[in-house]
Protein backbone atom coordinates (compact mmCIF):
# COMPACT_ATOMS: atom_id res chain seq x y z
CA MET A 1 25.61 -0.16 -32.89
CA GLU A 2 23.24 -2.07 -30.64
CA GLU A 3 21.58 -0.04 -27.87
CA ASN A 4 21.59 -1.50 -24.34
CA TYR A 5 19.46 -0.52 -21.36
CA GLU A 6 20.25 -0.95 -17.69
CA ILE A 7 17.60 -1.69 -15.06
CA ASP A 8 18.66 -2.44 -11.49
CA GLY A 9 22.18 -3.26 -12.61
CA ASN A 10 21.02 -5.68 -15.32
CA ILE A 11 22.25 -4.84 -18.81
CA LEU A 12 19.38 -5.49 -21.19
CA ASP A 13 19.96 -6.11 -24.88
CA GLU A 14 18.34 -8.23 -27.58
CA ASP A 15 19.71 -11.39 -25.93
CA THR A 16 18.13 -10.59 -22.53
CA GLN A 17 14.97 -8.85 -23.71
CA ASP A 18 12.88 -12.02 -23.51
CA ASN A 19 14.48 -13.29 -20.30
CA PRO A 20 11.66 -13.55 -17.73
CA ALA A 21 14.17 -13.46 -14.87
CA VAL A 22 15.27 -10.00 -15.95
CA TYR A 23 11.74 -8.67 -16.35
CA GLY A 24 10.02 -10.45 -13.50
CA GLY A 25 8.01 -12.57 -15.92
CA GLU A 26 6.86 -9.66 -18.08
CA GLU A 27 8.02 -9.04 -21.61
CA LEU A 28 8.81 -5.39 -22.27
CA ASP A 29 8.90 -3.74 -25.66
CA LEU A 30 11.97 -1.57 -25.15
CA GLU A 31 11.73 0.06 -28.56
CA ASN A 32 8.24 1.41 -27.91
CA LEU A 33 8.56 2.08 -24.19
CA GLN A 34 7.10 5.48 -23.42
CA LEU A 35 6.47 6.92 -20.00
CA ASP A 36 4.26 9.97 -19.85
CA VAL A 37 4.20 10.64 -16.13
CA PRO A 38 1.70 13.31 -15.08
CA ALA A 39 3.26 16.09 -13.00
CA GLU A 40 0.97 15.19 -10.06
CA MET A 41 2.67 11.81 -9.76
CA MET A 42 5.95 13.56 -9.09
CA ASP A 43 4.45 14.73 -5.77
CA PHE A 44 5.38 11.24 -4.59
CA ILE A 45 8.98 12.52 -4.38
CA LYS A 46 7.83 15.21 -1.94
CA VAL A 47 6.49 12.48 0.35
CA MET A 48 9.85 10.71 0.25
CA GLU A 49 11.64 13.99 1.06
CA LYS A 50 9.28 14.69 4.00
CA GLY A 51 9.89 11.16 5.28
CA ALA A 52 13.66 11.63 5.06
CA GLU A 53 13.32 14.82 7.12
CA LYS A 54 11.02 13.21 9.69
CA TYR A 55 12.93 9.93 10.14
CA GLU A 56 16.19 9.82 8.19
CA ALA A 57 17.07 9.28 4.54
CA ASN A 58 16.28 5.72 3.46
CA ASN A 59 15.37 4.71 7.02
CA TRP A 60 12.64 2.54 5.52
CA LEU A 61 15.30 0.36 3.83
CA LEU A 62 17.01 -0.49 7.12
CA PRO A 63 16.04 -3.91 8.47
CA ASN A 64 14.96 -2.37 11.79
CA GLY A 65 14.24 1.15 10.56
CA HIS A 66 11.90 3.32 12.63
CA CYS A 67 8.25 2.77 11.54
CA ALA A 68 9.45 0.31 8.89
CA SER A 69 7.95 -2.97 10.13
CA HIS A 70 5.22 -4.70 8.17
CA ARG A 71 2.74 -3.74 10.89
CA ASP A 72 3.84 -0.08 10.93
CA MET A 73 3.78 0.19 7.15
CA HIS A 74 0.29 -1.28 6.89
CA ALA A 75 -1.00 0.80 9.80
CA SER A 76 0.22 3.90 7.98
CA MET A 77 -1.41 2.79 4.73
CA PHE A 78 -4.74 2.12 6.45
CA ARG A 79 -4.59 5.45 8.32
CA HIS A 80 -3.91 7.41 5.13
CA LEU A 81 -6.58 5.47 3.23
CA ALA A 82 -9.10 6.28 5.99
CA ASP A 83 -8.10 9.96 5.88
CA SER A 84 -8.61 10.03 2.13
CA HIS A 85 -11.91 8.18 2.35
CA ALA A 86 -13.09 10.74 4.92
CA GLY A 87 -12.40 13.46 2.35
CA ASN A 88 -9.19 14.79 3.86
CA ARG A 89 -6.96 16.04 1.07
CA THR A 90 -4.17 17.30 3.32
CA ASP A 91 -1.99 15.23 5.65
CA ALA A 92 -1.50 17.01 8.99
CA ASP A 93 2.28 16.36 9.08
CA SER A 94 3.29 16.98 5.48
CA GLY A 95 0.53 19.07 3.97
CA LEU A 96 0.36 16.58 1.09
CA ASP A 97 -2.52 14.37 0.01
CA PRO A 98 -2.88 11.21 2.16
CA LEU A 99 -3.07 9.11 -1.02
CA LEU A 100 0.53 10.08 -1.77
CA HIS A 101 1.57 8.70 1.62
CA LEU A 102 -0.45 5.54 0.97
CA ALA A 103 1.28 5.06 -2.39
CA ALA A 104 4.72 5.74 -0.88
CA ARG A 105 4.21 3.19 1.90
CA ALA A 106 2.88 0.59 -0.54
CA LEU A 107 5.96 1.00 -2.74
CA MET A 108 8.20 0.83 0.32
CA VAL A 109 6.64 -2.47 1.42
CA TYR A 110 6.91 -3.83 -2.12
CA THR A 111 10.58 -2.80 -2.34
CA ARG A 112 11.38 -4.34 1.05
CA TYR A 113 9.78 -7.64 -0.03
CA LYS A 114 11.62 -7.67 -3.34
CA LYS A 115 14.95 -6.91 -1.65
CA GLY A 116 14.36 -9.46 1.13
CA ILE A 117 14.47 -6.84 3.90
CA TYR A 118 12.53 -7.90 6.99
CA HIS A 119 12.09 -6.02 10.26
CA SER A 120 12.49 -8.08 13.45
CA ASP A 121 8.81 -7.32 14.18
CA ASP A 122 7.88 -8.84 10.81
CA VAL A 123 9.13 -12.26 11.87
CA THR A 124 7.14 -12.08 15.11
CA SER A 125 4.05 -10.86 13.26
CA PHE A 126 4.44 -13.59 10.66
CA GLU A 127 4.83 -16.28 13.32
CA GLN A 128 1.80 -14.99 15.23
CA GLY A 129 -0.24 -14.78 12.04
CA LEU A 130 0.84 -18.27 11.07
CA ARG A 131 -0.15 -19.59 14.49
CA ARG A 132 -3.54 -17.84 14.26
CA GLY A 133 -3.96 -19.13 10.71
CA LEU A 134 -3.07 -22.68 11.69
CA ALA A 135 -5.28 -22.49 14.76
CA GLY A 136 -8.12 -21.18 12.60
CA ALA A 137 -7.57 -23.89 10.02
CA ALA A 138 -7.43 -26.54 12.73
CA GLN A 139 -10.66 -25.21 14.25
CA ALA A 140 -12.32 -25.23 10.83
CA ASP A 141 -11.18 -28.83 10.32
CA CYS A 142 -12.58 -29.79 13.74
CA ASN A 143 -15.88 -28.07 12.96
CA ALA A 144 -16.10 -29.82 9.59
CA LEU A 145 -15.29 -33.18 11.21
CA GLU A 146 -17.95 -32.65 13.91
CA GLU A 147 -20.51 -31.74 11.27
CA HIS A 148 -19.56 -34.79 9.22
CA LEU A 149 -19.86 -37.09 12.27
CA GLU A 150 -23.24 -35.58 13.20
CA LEU A 151 -24.54 -36.13 9.67
CA GLN A 152 -23.16 -39.65 9.68
CA ALA A 153 -24.84 -40.41 13.00
CA LEU A 154 -28.12 -38.95 11.70
CA GLU A 155 -27.92 -41.14 8.58
CA GLU A 156 -27.19 -44.22 10.70
CA SER A 157 -30.11 -43.37 12.95
CA LYS A 158 -32.42 -43.06 9.93
CA ASN A 159 -31.19 -46.39 8.57
CA GLU A 160 -31.82 -48.13 11.91
CA ASN A 161 -35.39 -46.77 12.04
CA THR A 162 -36.30 -48.02 8.59
């Protein structure tokens, strides 16, 4: 009998094994798939439990969940990265390593993107970033054009003097 696997509700068998849509573009060798997860990586679950106590279970999956916007998630990641870089091995709130919080937030952001979940602040942040990006690009184009015109004028001036 053929063995099937289920990932995110997708039944995987020999017919779907090479389907890039199922695997996100990566081919998996299901027969030789082995996951040896070190016990320390399971501490990630403790972070999720602490977060559920502090906010509410799966709050981070709600479109407008508390501290779940793109800005909040990245601020948390940067804060925990800075704590770790400074040598802090214990988060003041949870008692866990800041790197675990960084990893948890990164996976939360990734999951939100993959599921198409956007916080109302994300749209505002995106629009502001886009405006800043377009303004920056426009300024760069203006600077490049000015430089080009100055060089062109200098060349014309040289040609007139010769």
